[in-house]
């Protein structure tokens, strides 16, 4: 019989939790995520996983609710009017980023309800957030709830930033707060602008037309910068999340293109500061009013229980921080467009809050823009589930530069007009086409380890992560056992702080080289084969260079309904045995290998236009802006 339960999540101080357990034999420990499960396992603490209590119907409920709530909360009557900033609803800025926050909160809430209902304990020990949820559903029950302050609190996706670095051949990373990361970014830009004269000179160039690039990585878009530099316009980079110059290649590309780097902070003056502070003060008053709105308590309810009291304080705090940033960014953007003659804005990420604010300010000045496709876009109709959070339709005044006819047709089906679609090709892959004849097979098996992450209940499933770990171990074992071949692992450069695969790989074989921020082109051009777990743009990049690819199927079925898999351009495998057979065929069966490469070529030709010439094509269009 269970007398007490202990709810453990990644932020839990497990030692403190377990020290409160008085009768271990009558206590059940339950983990809420992969990090908690792994920690408990290492400590030898017997436990259940929360997934044991969440069935398929619960998963469907959670998946529907987190999407609905992410784009409904800020539109509520009595909430919407409190979040207005010059005809923009500040809540809309967070629509995509806040989805993962709501997904995690709702999964934990449903899991906790099911646990309490099934176990009916007398005592519950949990972090303060989970404990507050327990109190909500047990207020009419005689259950003692013990809580403690967690080591960290729920946050938005970009509240913490990973800073990667290398010492010799070893990669390391540290995690810092968003505020500290932005301070470091500002310092780096101040130094590089001063040393290399990258700062935009308004006295000499303010009357000349300018092209503004938002959060572009100069290392990946060197060709585009070069082509734009040939136009009679200023080429200016404005990066709000990461510095424009962060390695030697990015520095080189900016210098060669004679591009300039600006910072919104440089437009701040005492008058603007006063306006910003006043609007931020008004925002704090409005957020306090919003927190008391009963409609939010109704909206954030599941089966009659509202979890709004549990998240209200942290949620309002997150909104306050991000909205304060948005207010400052909006006012500074207006100042920028007043002082600089911007004739076109190029963007990559239409869902990012920074870009949303700047584009909204630009709209007031009737400045047109172009959003560049930056990766493979899933074609499956099942994407409709989260499509509202990933709007493919470009904002008013913005055209979509697609990679080819496949995506153009997809946009038309969503209602995008032909006049708003540019068949541009991929500017970031022009260099790939130039390198096709310079590639070699040097005996490398390149494992593009796309970190398992899916915006659904399945994407948080501990069992799914354990499956991923098993696949990771098996493919590494199989690959390292092939004579005269070398396994190289390239991690996805995006951040994911709750799940680090490096310790797993080091446990398998510490000599396996692991890269994260290195240029993927340099790794693909020398490999014999590229392998990925799940869909990734890197598959297309390998196909451009005539490299065969293998994909280990993992995740939702609808990922694999895309043409890249339906056309068999990438060899799809489901088990370690299938992978081993496929890998040997690709490496040692010339006929099999060549057939797979030809299928890859066909897919590239169907998917990409202006191959190797996309940057020049797009620059010629921008010339007329």
Foldseek 3Di string as FASTA:
>chain_A
DAAEEEEDELQDPVVVQVVPDDDLVNYAYEYEFQNRVVVCVVVVHDHHYLVVQADPVNQVVLLQQLLCCLPVLCVDVLRVVLQDDPNDRLSLLCSQQCSLLSSSLSSLLVSLVSCCVVVVHQEYEYALLSQVSNCQVCVVPNHHYHYDHTNDDRATPQQKDWDWDDDPLDIDIDIDGQVVQQVVQVVVCVVCCVVVVQADDLVPAQVFEAEEEEQDACLLQLQLLQLLLPFRHAYEYEYRRHHNDDDDSSSVSCNNSVHHYDYLVVQDDPVLVVVLVVVLVSSVVSLVSSLPDCVQQVSQDDPRGGSSVSCSVVVSVNSSVVVSVLSSLLSSLLSVVVRHNYQEYEYAACSNSSVVSNVVSVVVVLRAYEYEDDFDDQQFPVCVSNCVSVPPADDPRYAYAFQADVVVVSVVVVPHDPVRYHNQHDSSCLVLLVCLVVFEAQQEEEEAEEDQADSGNCRRDSVLVVVVLVLVLLVVVLQVPDPSHAYEYEYEQDDDPSDDCVVSVVVNPVVHRYHYPDDVSVVLRHHQEYEYAADTRVLLSNLSSLHAYEYAYGDDPSSQVDPCNVLLLHHYDHDSVRVSVVVCCCRPPVVSVNVSSVSSPVVNVRRGPCRSHSSNVVSVVVSVD
